[in-house]
Amino acid sequence: MKKILVLSLLVLATYFNSALALSNEFAYVTNEKDDNISVIDLSQFSVVKEIAVGQRPRGIIFNKEQTLAYLCASESDSIQILDVKSEQIIGELPSGEDPETIALHPNGKTIYTSNEDDALLTVIDIASATVITQVDVGVEPEGLAVSPDGKIVVVTSETTNMVHWIDTQTHKNFANTLVGARPRSAKFTDDGKFLWVSAEIGGTVVILDVANQQIIKEFTFDVRGIHRDRVQPVGIELTADGKYAFVALGPANHVAVIDRATMAVEKYLLVGRRVWQLAFNHDQSQLLTTNGISGDVSVIDVQRLKVKKSIKVGRYPWGVAIRYVP
């Protein structure tokens, strides 16, 4: 009886500690068609606020202190700065035309954005709100990632079908890697040794060796009952423990779960329609997906590999970033 009581108390303590942690987490979701952000309280799994922003918001990130959000207002041709406390746009950064995605250098001082219409990578100094330089890349650049050591920024060009490798000190494009058709997202592993890249029309995800910029592994996806043309990988997230990779499969309406030990697809999780981007909460116990056509966010239990909740947001949710308040 004593053992049962102790176990019960431990279970309850774990539950309440988890609930307490989640009560400090808020997901910020950009809605392309509504020109706003839906703020989701992850303790309630409900939208608690909608914040008006610029036209066609897409990529969104937080500063290191998580006091400011930077978001790509694509059709406003600017990166807007949102003060999360006042919930007001307090400034803008110059971005060039049609910024779509955004990445922050580990130093917290430099922002990178891809300019799809101009085939450029724009490098921005945050403090002075000035463009440091613009780098010519392939046609229709989109995906961005900065290496953990801050030495490399990569850009994927959708029409050129390449990953462009750029030295963050010299701003020189030192290598190009041909990948599948219409590459979208890029993600470095935490140790900086490998880069994962999705190819939307190619229907593949590849792993590249950062040391030589060569492909060492390619994944294809076979979702039961879904035609292969609808399997269009976009967002990628990697668990810090090295166990899983999650891949959003676009109009296939599923997220693929890849076992990184066996390098095989372990499972497909049904989410909302046209799944775009992914984001973990702070302890990676939950993964959120933005589902464009169904206008909702799916919440995945990472340990159980099950979808636990669907949350209605605005029209055409695209980007998502999670703010954790200790």
C-alpha atoms as a PDB file:
ATOM      1  CA  MET A   1       0.000   0.000   0.000  1.00  0.00           C
ATOM      2  CA  LYS A   2       2.854   2.346   0.933  1.00  0.00           C
ATOM      3  CA  LYS A   3       4.579   1.688  -2.401  1.00  0.00           C
ATOM      4  CA  ILE A   4       1.380   2.436  -4.323  1.00  0.00           C
ATOM      5  CA  LEU A   5       0.937   5.701  -2.415  1.00  0.00           C
ATOM      6  CA  VAL A   6       4.532   6.786  -3.094  1.00  0.00           C
ATOM      7  CA  LEU A   7       4.188   5.952  -6.804  1.00  0.00           C
ATOM      8  CA  SER A   8       0.925   7.880  -6.993  1.00  0.00           C
ATOM      9  CA  LEU A   9       2.530  10.925  -5.379  1.00  0.00           C
ATOM     10  CA  LEU A  10       5.462  10.748  -7.804  1.00  0.00           C
ATOM     11  CA  VAL A  11       3.094  10.578 -10.764  1.00  0.00           C
ATOM     12  CA  LEU A  12       1.139  13.562  -9.451  1.00  0.00           C
ATOM     13  CA  ALA A  13       4.329  15.555  -8.835  1.00  0.00           C
ATOM     14  CA  THR A  14       5.531  14.841 -12.366  1.00  0.00           C
ATOM     15  CA  TYR A  15       2.178  15.895 -13.779  1.00  0.00           C
ATOM     16  CA  PHE A  16       2.047  19.172 -11.863  1.00  0.00           C
ATOM     17  CA  ASN A  17       5.677  20.010 -12.616  1.00  0.00           C
ATOM     18  CA  SER A  18       5.008  19.418 -16.293  1.00  0.00           C
ATOM     19  CA  ALA A  19       1.865  21.552 -16.165  1.00  0.00           C
ATOM     20  CA  LEU A  20       3.764  24.323 -14.408  1.00  0.00           C
ATOM     21  CA  ALA A  21       6.472  24.281 -17.074  1.00  0.00           C
ATOM     22  CA  LEU A  22       3.923  24.422 -19.878  1.00  0.00           C
ATOM     23  CA  SER A  23       2.112  27.346 -18.272  1.00  0.00           C
ATOM     24  CA  ASN A  24       5.220  29.409 -19.030  1.00  0.00           C
ATOM     25  CA  GLU A  25       5.216  28.591 -22.730  1.00  0.00           C
ATOM     26  CA  PHE A  26       3.512  30.438 -25.535  1.00  0.00           C
ATOM     27  CA  ALA A  27       3.516  29.583 -29.233  1.00  0.00           C
ATOM     28  CA  TYR A  28       3.493  32.477 -31.701  1.00  0.00           C
ATOM     29  CA  VAL A  29       1.958  31.457 -35.021  1.00  0.00           C
ATOM     30  CA  THR A  30       2.064  33.676 -38.122  1.00  0.00           C
ATOM     31  CA  ASN A  31      -1.139  33.637 -40.195  1.00  0.00           C
ATOM     32  CA  GLU A  32      -0.450  34.536 -43.832  1.00  0.00           C
ATOM     33  CA  LYS A  33      -3.995  35.453 -44.842  1.00  0.00           C
ATOM     34  CA  ASP A  34      -5.021  37.302 -41.671  1.00  0.00           C
ATOM     35  CA  ASP A  35      -1.888  39.458 -41.313  1.00  0.00           C
ATOM     36  CA  ASN A  36      -1.645  38.574 -37.645  1.00  0.00           C
ATOM     37  CA  ILE A  37      -0.091  36.301 -35.048  1.00  0.00           C
ATOM     38  CA  SER A  38      -2.047  33.828 -32.942  1.00  0.00           C
ATOM     39  CA  VAL A  39      -0.582  33.432 -29.444  1.00  0.00           C
ATOM     40  CA  ILE A  40      -1.244  29.997 -27.929  1.00  0.00           C
ATOM     41  CA  ASP A  41      -0.956  29.347 -24.190  1.00  0.00           C
ATOM     42  CA  LEU A  42       0.455  25.814 -24.071  1.00  0.00           C
ATOM     43  CA  SER A  43      -0.953  25.202 -20.590  1.00  0.00           C
ATOM     44  CA  GLN A  44      -4.459  25.601 -22.009  1.00  0.00           C
ATOM     45  CA  PHE A  45      -3.867  24.636 -25.649  1.00  0.00           C
ATOM     46  CA  SER A  46      -5.894  27.647 -26.686  1.00  0.00           C
ATOM     47  CA  VAL A  47      -5.382  30.965 -28.457  1.00  0.00           C
ATOM     48  CA  VAL A  48      -5.229  33.740 -25.875  1.00  0.00           C
ATOM     49  CA  LYS A  49      -4.309  36.660 -28.123  1.00  0.00           C
ATOM     50  CA  GLU A  50      -4.209  37.792 -31.745  1.00  0.00           C
ATOM     51  CA  ILE A  51      -1.674  40.470 -32.652  1.00  0.00           C
ATOM     52  CA  ALA A  52      -1.952  42.504 -35.859  1.00  0.00           C
ATOM     53  CA  VAL A  53       1.272  42.665 -37.885  1.00  0.00           C
ATOM     54  CA  GLY A  54       2.370  43.452 -41.456  1.00  0.00           C
ATOM     55  CA  GLN A  55       1.184  41.875 -44.672  1.00  0.00           C
ATOM     56  CA  ARG A  56       1.656  38.138 -45.193  1.00  0.00           C
ATOM     57  CA  PRO A  57       3.726  37.237 -42.125  1.00  0.00           C
ATOM     58  CA  ARG A  58       5.777  34.063 -42.471  1.00  0.00           C
ATOM     59  CA  GLY A  59       9.130  33.383 -40.788  1.00  0.00           C
ATOM     60  CA  ILE A  60       9.382  34.263 -37.077  1.00  0.00           C
ATOM     61  CA  ILE A  61      12.136  33.975 -34.443  1.00  0.00           C
ATOM     62  CA  PHE A  62      12.851  35.364 -30.970  1.00  0.00           C
ATOM     63  CA  ASN A  63      15.911  37.190 -29.712  1.00  0.00           C
ATOM     64  CA  LYS A  64      18.049  35.376 -27.126  1.00  0.00           C
ATOM     65  CA  GLU A  65      16.250  37.036 -24.214  1.00  0.00           C
ATOM     66  CA  GLN A  66      12.876  36.250 -25.814  1.00  0.00           C
ATOM     67  CA  THR A  67      11.728  39.800 -25.216  1.00  0.00           C
ATOM     68  CA  LEU A  68      11.447  40.564 -28.928  1.00  0.00           C
ATOM     69  CA  ALA A  69      10.162  38.638 -31.914  1.00  0.00           C
ATOM     70  CA  TYR A  70      11.450  39.269 -35.427  1.00  0.00           C
ATOM     71  CA  LEU A  71       9.037  38.367 -38.199  1.00  0.00           C
ATOM     72  CA  CYS A  72       9.065  38.460 -41.964  1.00  0.00           C
ATOM     73  CA  ALA A  73       6.195  40.622 -43.222  1.00  0.00           C
ATOM     74  CA  SER A  74       6.715  39.421 -46.774  1.00  0.00           C
ATOM     75  CA  GLU A  75       4.354  41.715 -48.651  1.00  0.00           C
ATOM     76  CA  SER A  76       5.331  44.693 -46.484  1.00  0.00           C
ATOM     77  CA  ASP A  77       8.954  44.074 -47.574  1.00  0.00           C
ATOM     78  CA  SER A  78      10.247  44.343 -44.025  1.00  0.00           C
ATOM     79  CA  ILE A  79      11.292  42.460 -40.923  1.00  0.00           C
ATOM     80  CA  GLN A  80       9.125  43.746 -38.113  1.00  0.00           C
ATOM     81  CA  ILE A  81      10.165  43.871 -34.455  1.00  0.00           C
ATOM     82  CA  LEU A  82       7.465  42.830 -32.000  1.00  0.00           C
ATOM     83  CA  ASP A  83       7.797  43.713 -28.314  1.00  0.00           C
ATOM     84  CA  VAL A  84       6.211  40.722 -26.627  1.00  0.00           C
ATOM     85  CA  LYS A  85       5.380  42.599 -23.427  1.00  0.00           C
ATOM     86  CA  SER A  86       3.472  45.467 -25.029  1.00  0.00           C
ATOM     87  CA  GLU A  87       2.373  43.276 -27.963  1.00  0.00           C
ATOM     88  CA  GLN A  88       3.197  46.151 -30.299  1.00  0.00           C
ATOM     89  CA  ILE A  89       5.361  46.457 -33.393  1.00  0.00           C
ATOM     90  CA  ILE A  90       8.133  48.776 -32.191  1.00  0.00           C
ATOM     91  CA  GLY A  91      10.360  48.936 -35.248  1.00  0.00           C
ATOM     92  CA  GLU A  92      11.534  47.431 -38.492  1.00  0.00           C
ATOM     93  CA  LEU A  93      14.751  46.081 -39.961  1.00  0.00           C
ATOM     94  CA  PRO A  94      15.638  46.592 -43.642  1.00  0.00           C
ATOM     95  CA  SER A  95      15.191  43.298 -45.431  1.00  0.00           C
ATOM     96  CA  GLY A  96      15.029  43.770 -49.166  1.00  0.00           C
ATOM     97  CA  GLU A  97      11.994  42.606 -51.109  1.00  0.00           C
ATOM     98  CA  ASP A  98       9.754  39.739 -50.036  1.00  0.00           C
ATOM     99  CA  PRO A  99      11.579  38.350 -46.976  1.00  0.00           C
ATOM    100  CA  GLU A 100      10.276  34.858 -46.291  1.00  0.00           C
ATOM    101  CA  THR A 101      12.488  33.101 -43.781  1.00  0.00           C
ATOM    102  CA  ILE A 102      14.772  34.412 -41.076  1.00  0.00           C
ATOM    103  CA  ALA A 103      17.695  33.170 -38.961  1.00  0.00           C
ATOM    104  CA  LEU A 104      19.601  34.622 -36.022  1.00  0.00           C
ATOM    105  CA  HIS A 105      23.367  34.317 -35.641  1.00  0.00           C
ATOM    106  CA  PRO A 106      24.431  32.730 -32.307  1.00  0.00           C
ATOM    107  CA  ASN A 107      25.950  36.090 -31.308  1.00  0.00           C
ATOM    108  CA  GLY A 108      22.431  37.538 -31.249  1.00  0.00           C
ATOM    109  CA  LYS A 109      23.606  40.577 -33.208  1.00  0.00           C
ATOM    110  CA  THR A 110      23.064  39.562 -36.830  1.00  0.00           C
ATOM    111  CA  ILE A 111      19.963  38.468 -38.706  1.00  0.00           C
ATOM    112  CA  TYR A 112      19.842  36.711 -42.066  1.00  0.00           C
ATOM    113  CA  THR A 113      16.864  36.704 -44.394  1.00  0.00           C
ATOM    114  CA  SER A 114      16.238  35.255 -47.837  1.00  0.00           C
ATOM    115  CA  ASN A 115      14.821  37.477 -50.593  1.00  0.00           C
ATOM    116  CA  GLU A 116      12.922  35.143 -52.876  1.00  0.00           C
ATOM    117  CA  ASP A 117      12.219  37.646 -55.678  1.00  0.00           C
ATOM    118  CA  ASP A 118      15.793  38.968 -55.902  1.00  0.00           C
ATOM    119  CA  ALA A 119      17.876  35.792 -55.436  1.00  0.00           C
ATOM    120  CA  LEU A 120      19.686  37.353 -52.484  1.00  0.00           C
ATOM    121  CA  LEU A 121      20.699  36.637 -48.921  1.00  0.00           C
ATOM    122  CA  THR A 122      20.457  39.822 -46.852  1.00  0.00           C
ATOM    123  CA  VAL A 123      22.714  40.202 -43.801  1.00  0.00           C
ATOM    124  CA  ILE A 124      21.400  42.698 -41.222  1.00  0.00           C
ATOM    125  CA  ASP A 125      23.005  44.323 -38.176  1.00  0.00           C
ATOM    126  CA  ILE A 126      20.282  44.493 -35.537  1.00  0.00           C
ATOM    127  CA  ALA A 127      21.680  47.294 -33.349  1.00  0.00           C
ATOM    128  CA  SER A 128      22.081  49.805 -36.184  1.00  0.00           C
ATOM    129  CA  ALA A 129      19.160  48.454 -38.245  1.00  0.00           C
ATOM    130  CA  THR A 130      21.340  48.474 -41.359  1.00  0.00           C
ATOM    131  CA  VAL A 131      22.120  46.016 -44.115  1.00  0.00           C
ATOM    132  CA  ILE A 132      25.702  44.770 -43.753  1.00  0.00           C
ATOM    133  CA  THR A 133      25.713  43.164 -47.193  1.00  0.00           C
ATOM    134  CA  GLN A 134      23.677  41.164 -49.675  1.00  0.00           C
ATOM    135  CA  VAL A 135      24.970  37.927 -51.158  1.00  0.00           C
ATOM    136  CA  ASP A 136      23.958  36.593 -54.581  1.00  0.00           C
ATOM    137  CA  VAL A 137      22.541  33.076 -54.330  1.00  0.00           C
ATOM    138  CA  GLY A 138      20.373  30.842 -56.511  1.00  0.00           C
ATOM    139  CA  VAL A 139      16.897  31.531 -57.853  1.00  0.00           C
ATOM    140  CA  GLU A 140      14.101  31.724 -55.248  1.00  0.00           C
ATOM    141  CA  PRO A 141      16.087  31.363 -52.020  1.00  0.00           C
ATOM    142  CA  GLU A 142      14.092  30.266 -49.004  1.00  0.00           C
ATOM    143  CA  GLY A 143      15.515  27.957 -46.354  1.00  0.00           C
ATOM    144  CA  LEU A 144      18.105  29.332 -43.921  1.00  0.00           C
ATOM    145  CA  ALA A 145      20.247  27.856 -41.169  1.00  0.00           C
ATOM    146  CA  VAL A 146      23.262  29.068 -39.203  1.00  0.00           C
ATOM    147  CA  SER A 147      25.790  26.544 -37.894  1.00  0.00           C
ATOM    148  CA  PRO A 148      26.001  26.250 -34.090  1.00  0.00           C
ATOM    149  CA  ASP A 149      29.507  27.756 -34.107  1.00  0.00           C
ATOM    150  CA  GLY A 150      28.257  30.692 -36.183  1.00  0.00           C
ATOM    151  CA  LYS A 151      30.819  30.179 -38.955  1.00  0.00           C
ATOM    152  CA  ILE A 152      28.478  29.113 -41.760  1.00  0.00           C
ATOM    153  CA  VAL A 153      25.074  30.211 -42.988  1.00  0.00           C
ATOM    154  CA  VAL A 154      23.334  28.073 -45.600  1.00  0.00           C
ATOM    155  CA  VAL A 155      20.607  29.089 -48.021  1.00  0.00           C
ATOM    156  CA  THR A 156      18.449  26.770 -50.134  1.00  0.00           C
ATOM    157  CA  SER A 157      17.375  27.995 -53.568  1.00  0.00           C
ATOM    158  CA  GLU A 158      14.095  26.486 -54.729  1.00  0.00           C
ATOM    159  CA  THR A 159      14.530  26.863 -58.495  1.00  0.00           C
ATOM    160  CA  THR A 160      18.294  26.291 -58.687  1.00  0.00           C
ATOM    161  CA  ASN A 161      17.875  23.193 -56.470  1.00  0.00           C
ATOM    162  CA  MET A 162      20.972  23.972 -54.454  1.00  0.00           C
ATOM    163  CA  VAL A 163      22.287  24.520 -50.960  1.00  0.00           C
ATOM    164  CA  HIS A 164      24.623  27.526 -50.884  1.00  0.00           C
ATOM    165  CA  TRP A 165      27.339  27.553 -48.196  1.00  0.00           C
ATOM    166  CA  ILE A 166      28.383  31.034 -47.045  1.00  0.00           C
ATOM    167  CA  ASP A 167      31.210  32.061 -44.711  1.00  0.00           C
ATOM    168  CA  THR A 168      29.704  34.408 -42.102  1.00  0.00           C
ATOM    169  CA  GLN A 169      32.972  36.345 -41.729  1.00  0.00           C
ATOM    170  CA  THR A 170      33.779  36.995 -45.389  1.00  0.00           C
ATOM    171  CA  HIS A 171      30.208  36.633 -46.726  1.00  0.00           C
ATOM    172  CA  LYS A 172      31.616  34.545 -49.565  1.00  0.00           C
ATOM    173  CA  ASN A 173      29.686  31.664 -51.091  1.00  0.00           C
ATOM    174  CA  PHE A 174      32.378  28.976 -50.789  1.00  0.00           C
ATOM    175  CA  ALA A 175      30.425  25.900 -51.962  1.00  0.00           C
ATOM    176  CA  ASN A 176      27.185  24.781 -53.625  1.00  0.00           C
ATOM    177  CA  THR A 177      25.514  21.392 -53.300  1.00  0.00           C
ATOM    178  CA  LEU A 178      22.920  20.109 -55.767  1.00  0.00           C
ATOM    179  CA  VAL A 179      19.965  18.514 -53.962  1.00  0.00           C
ATOM    180  CA  GLY A 180      16.411  17.453 -54.863  1.00  0.00           C
ATOM    181  CA  ALA A 181      13.845  19.641 -56.606  1.00  0.00           C
ATOM    182  CA  ARG A 182      12.659  22.711 -54.707  1.00  0.00           C
ATOM    183  CA  PRO A 183      14.660  22.545 -51.467  1.00  0.00           C
ATOM    184  CA  ARG A 184      12.848  24.274 -48.634  1.00  0.00           C
ATOM    185  CA  SER A 185      14.177  23.861 -45.091  1.00  0.00           C
ATOM    186  CA  ALA A 186      17.670  23.323 -43.676  1.00  0.00           C
ATOM    187  CA  LYS A 187      18.649  22.238 -40.170  1.00  0.00           C
ATOM    188  CA  PHE A 188      22.084  21.727 -38.623  1.00  0.00           C
ATOM    189  CA  THR A 189      22.599  19.000 -36.039  1.00  0.00           C
ATOM    190  CA  ASP A 190      23.534  20.351 -32.601  1.00  0.00           C
ATOM    191  CA  ASP A 191      27.169  19.311 -33.038  1.00  0.00           C
ATOM    192  CA  GLY A 192      27.346  21.156 -36.358  1.00  0.00           C
ATOM    193  CA  LYS A 193      28.640  18.109 -38.233  1.00  0.00           C
ATOM    194  CA  PHE A 194      25.618  17.448 -40.430  1.00  0.00           C
ATOM    195  CA  LEU A 195      22.931  19.401 -42.264  1.00  0.00           C
ATOM    196  CA  TRP A 196      19.442  18.081 -43.021  1.00  0.00           C
ATOM    197  CA  VAL A 197      17.670  19.544 -46.086  1.00  0.00           C
ATOM    198  CA  SER A 198      14.145  18.916 -47.402  1.00  0.00           C
ATOM    199  CA  ALA A 199      13.240  18.932 -51.101  1.00  0.00           C
ATOM    200  CA  GLU A 200       9.541  19.673 -51.560  1.00  0.00           C
ATOM    201  CA  ILE A 201       8.985  18.602 -55.175  1.00  0.00           C
ATOM    202  CA  GLY A 202      11.732  15.996 -55.065  1.00  0.00           C
ATOM    203  CA  GLY A 203       9.896  14.363 -52.155  1.00  0.00           C
ATOM    204  CA  THR A 204      13.154  13.720 -50.294  1.00  0.00           C
ATOM    205  CA  VAL A 205      15.222  14.717 -47.285  1.00  0.00           C
ATOM    206  CA  VAL A 206      19.001  14.509 -47.441  1.00  0.00           C
ATOM    207  CA  ILE A 207      21.770  14.625 -44.856  1.00  0.00           C
ATOM    208  CA  LEU A 208      24.937  16.457 -45.857  1.00  0.00           C
ATOM    209  CA  ASP A 209      28.376  16.183 -44.289  1.00  0.00           C
ATOM    210  CA  VAL A 210      29.285  19.750 -43.332  1.00  0.00           C
ATOM    211  CA  ALA A 211      33.028  19.028 -43.648  1.00  0.00           C
ATOM    212  CA  ASN A 212      32.826  18.368 -47.405  1.00  0.00           C
ATOM    213  CA  GLN A 213      29.298  19.568 -48.261  1.00  0.00           C
ATOM    214  CA  GLN A 214      28.430  16.164 -49.752  1.00  0.00           C
ATOM    215  CA  ILE A 215      25.205  14.133 -49.450  1.00  0.00           C
ATOM    216  CA  ILE A 216      25.678  11.049 -47.278  1.00  0.00           C
ATOM    217  CA  LYS A 217      22.067   9.888 -46.884  1.00  0.00           C
ATOM    218  CA  GLU A 218      18.744  10.351 -48.691  1.00  0.00           C
ATOM    219  CA  PHE A 219      15.275   9.570 -47.354  1.00  0.00           C
ATOM    220  CA  THR A 220      12.112   8.991 -49.369  1.00  0.00           C
ATOM    221  CA  PHE A 221       8.634   8.675 -47.891  1.00  0.00           C
ATOM    222  CA  ASP A 222       5.768   6.274 -48.522  1.00  0.00           C
ATOM    223  CA  VAL A 223       2.588   7.264 -46.728  1.00  0.00           C
ATOM    224  CA  ARG A 224      -0.154   4.670 -47.036  1.00  0.00           C
ATOM    225  CA  GLY A 225      -3.072   5.896 -49.137  1.00  0.00           C
ATOM    226  CA  ILE A 226      -1.250   9.069 -50.240  1.00  0.00           C
ATOM    227  CA  HIS A 227       0.004   9.514 -53.808  1.00  0.00           C
ATOM    228  CA  ARG A 228       3.743  10.165 -53.890  1.00  0.00           C
ATOM    229  CA  ASP A 229       3.187  13.507 -55.678  1.00  0.00           C
ATOM    230  CA  ARG A 230       1.483  14.800 -52.535  1.00  0.00           C
ATOM    231  CA  VAL A 231       4.455  13.910 -50.338  1.00  0.00           C
ATOM    232  CA  GLN A 232       6.236  17.265 -50.245  1.00  0.00           C
ATOM    233  CA  PRO A 233       8.715  17.649 -47.357  1.00  0.00           C
ATOM    234  CA  VAL A 234       9.098  21.132 -45.893  1.00  0.00           C
ATOM    235  CA  GLY A 235       9.849  21.781 -42.184  1.00  0.00           C
ATOM    236  CA  ILE A 236      12.433  19.733 -40.254  1.00  0.00           C
ATOM    237  CA  GLU A 237      13.114  19.468 -36.518  1.00  0.00           C
ATOM    238  CA  LEU A 238      15.743  17.322 -34.765  1.00  0.00           C
ATOM    239  CA  THR A 239      15.634  16.197 -31.139  1.00  0.00           C
ATOM    240  CA  ALA A 240      18.628  17.262 -29.034  1.00  0.00           C
ATOM    241  CA  ASP A 241      19.145  13.699 -27.788  1.00  0.00           C
ATOM    242  CA  GLY A 242      19.844  12.529 -31.338  1.00  0.00           C
ATOM    243  CA  LYS A 243      16.905  10.117 -31.309  1.00  0.00           C
ATOM    244  CA  TYR A 244      14.412  11.502 -33.825  1.00  0.00           C
ATOM    245  CA  ALA A 245      14.031  13.694 -36.857  1.00  0.00           C
ATOM    246  CA  PHE A 246      10.556  15.040 -37.667  1.00  0.00           C
ATOM    247  CA  VAL A 247       9.650  16.092 -41.211  1.00  0.00           C
ATOM    248  CA  ALA A 248       6.498  17.966 -42.266  1.00  0.00           C
ATOM    249  CA  LEU A 249       5.186  16.386 -45.476  1.00  0.00           C
ATOM    250  CA  GLY A 250       3.050  19.256 -46.827  1.00  0.00           C
ATOM    251  CA  PRO A 251      -0.150  18.201 -48.639  1.00  0.00           C
ATOM    252  CA  ALA A 252       0.374  14.594 -47.525  1.00  0.00           C
ATOM    253  CA  ASN A 253      -0.983  15.911 -44.177  1.00  0.00           C
ATOM    254  CA  HIS A 254       1.470  13.827 -42.174  1.00  0.00           C
ATOM    255  CA  VAL A 255       4.662  14.287 -40.186  1.00  0.00           C
ATOM    256  CA  ALA A 256       7.318  11.627 -40.779  1.00  0.00           C
ATOM    257  CA  VAL A 257       9.259  10.354 -37.767  1.00  0.00           C
ATOM    258  CA  ILE A 258      12.800   9.214 -38.590  1.00  0.00           C
ATOM    259  CA  ASP A 259      14.788   7.069 -36.180  1.00  0.00           C
ATOM    260  CA  ARG A 260      18.278   8.575 -36.374  1.00  0.00           C
ATOM    261  CA  ALA A 261      19.955   5.452 -34.961  1.00  0.00           C
ATOM    262  CA  THR A 262      18.607   3.136 -37.669  1.00  0.00           C
ATOM    263  CA  MET A 263      18.237   5.901 -40.282  1.00  0.00           C
ATOM    264  CA  ALA A 264      14.770   4.607 -41.148  1.00  0.00           C
ATOM    265  CA  VAL A 265      11.282   6.122 -41.128  1.00  0.00           C
ATOM    266  CA  GLU A 266       9.628   4.779 -37.988  1.00  0.00           C
ATOM    267  CA  LYS A 267       6.165   6.289 -38.239  1.00  0.00           C
ATOM    268  CA  TYR A 268       3.831   8.735 -39.973  1.00  0.00           C
ATOM    269  CA  LEU A 269       1.611  10.965 -37.844  1.00  0.00           C
ATOM    270  CA  LEU A 270      -1.620  12.369 -39.281  1.00  0.00           C
ATOM    271  CA  VAL A 271      -1.934  16.115 -38.631  1.00  0.00           C
ATOM    272  CA  GLY A 272      -3.881  18.969 -40.263  1.00  0.00           C
ATOM    273  CA  ARG A 273      -4.036  19.839 -43.945  1.00  0.00           C
ATOM    274  CA  ARG A 274      -0.912  21.138 -45.679  1.00  0.00           C
ATOM    275  CA  VAL A 275       1.561  20.918 -42.820  1.00  0.00           C
ATOM    276  CA  TRP A 276       4.288  23.553 -43.214  1.00  0.00           C
ATOM    277  CA  GLN A 277       6.571  24.249 -40.281  1.00  0.00           C
ATOM    278  CA  LEU A 278       7.480  22.634 -36.968  1.00  0.00           C
ATOM    279  CA  ALA A 279       8.699  23.821 -33.554  1.00  0.00           C
ATOM    280  CA  PHE A 280       9.528  22.133 -30.240  1.00  0.00           C
ATOM    281  CA  ASN A 281       8.596  23.464 -26.836  1.00  0.00           C
ATOM    282  CA  HIS A 282      11.581  24.159 -24.537  1.00  0.00           C
ATOM    283  CA  ASP A 283      12.080  20.606 -23.210  1.00  0.00           C
ATOM    284  CA  GLN A 284      11.125  18.984 -26.538  1.00  0.00           C
ATOM    285  CA  SER A 285       8.289  17.032 -24.967  1.00  0.00           C
ATOM    286  CA  GLN A 286       5.910  18.505 -27.529  1.00  0.00           C
ATOM    287  CA  LEU A 287       6.168  19.362 -31.200  1.00  0.00           C
ATOM    288  CA  LEU A 288       3.837  21.878 -32.842  1.00  0.00           C
ATOM    289  CA  THR A 289       2.949  21.873 -36.547  1.00  0.00           C
ATOM    290  CA  THR A 290       1.414  24.672 -38.628  1.00  0.00           C
ATOM    291  CA  ASN A 291      -1.255  23.354 -40.981  1.00  0.00           C
ATOM    292  CA  GLY A 292      -1.939  25.934 -43.691  1.00  0.00           C
ATOM    293  CA  ILE A 293      -5.139  24.849 -45.366  1.00  0.00           C
ATOM    294  CA  SER A 294      -6.970  23.572 -42.278  1.00  0.00           C
ATOM    295  CA  GLY A 295      -5.959  26.704 -40.338  1.00  0.00           C
ATOM    296  CA  ASP A 296      -4.850  24.910 -37.211  1.00  0.00           C
ATOM    297  CA  VAL A 297      -1.868  23.757 -35.177  1.00  0.00           C
ATOM    298  CA  SER A 298      -1.344  20.115 -34.227  1.00  0.00           C
ATOM    299  CA  VAL A 299       0.408  19.217 -30.955  1.00  0.00           C
ATOM    300  CA  ILE A 300       2.484  16.020 -30.999  1.00  0.00           C
ATOM    301  CA  ASP A 301       3.518  14.165 -27.848  1.00  0.00           C
ATOM    302  CA  VAL A 302       7.175  13.450 -28.672  1.00  0.00           C
ATOM    303  CA  GLN A 303       7.655  10.582 -26.204  1.00  0.00           C
ATOM    304  CA  ARG A 304       4.516   8.710 -27.270  1.00  0.00           C
ATOM    305  CA  LEU A 305       4.726   9.793 -30.932  1.00  0.00           C
ATOM    306  CA  LYS A 306       1.037  10.645 -30.949  1.00  0.00           C
ATOM    307  CA  VAL A 307      -0.968  13.717 -31.938  1.00  0.00           C
ATOM    308  CA  LYS A 308      -2.676  14.891 -28.764  1.00  0.00           C
ATOM    309  CA  LYS A 309      -4.433  18.117 -29.748  1.00  0.00           C
ATOM    310  CA  SER A 310      -5.546  20.358 -32.603  1.00  0.00           C
ATOM    311  CA  ILE A 311      -5.797  24.104 -32.010  1.00  0.00           C
ATOM    312  CA  LYS A 312      -7.669  26.421 -34.370  1.00  0.00           C
ATOM    313  CA  VAL A 313      -5.707  29.553 -35.329  1.00  0.00           C
ATOM    314  CA  GLY A 314      -5.974  32.047 -38.212  1.00  0.00           C
ATOM    315  CA  ARG A 315      -6.038  31.576 -41.954  1.00  0.00           C
ATOM    316  CA  TYR A 316      -3.026  29.876 -43.498  1.00  0.00           C
ATOM    317  CA  PRO A 317      -0.711  29.517 -40.504  1.00  0.00           C
ATOM    318  CA  TRP A 318       2.889  29.346 -41.735  1.00  0.00           C
ATOM    319  CA  GLY A 319       5.597  30.030 -39.128  1.00  0.00           C
ATOM    320  CA  VAL A 320       5.779  29.133 -35.461  1.00  0.00           C
ATOM    321  CA  ALA A 321       8.159  30.026 -32.634  1.00  0.00           C
ATOM    322  CA  ILE A 322       7.769  29.152 -28.964  1.00  0.00           C
ATOM    323  CA  ARG A 323       8.533  31.568 -26.157  1.00  0.00           C
ATOM    324  CA  TYR A 324       9.525  30.128 -22.807  1.00  0.00           C
ATOM    325  CA  VAL A 325       9.316  32.298 -19.700  1.00  0.00           C
ATOM    326  CA  PRO A 326      11.355  30.733 -16.839  1.00  0.00           C
END
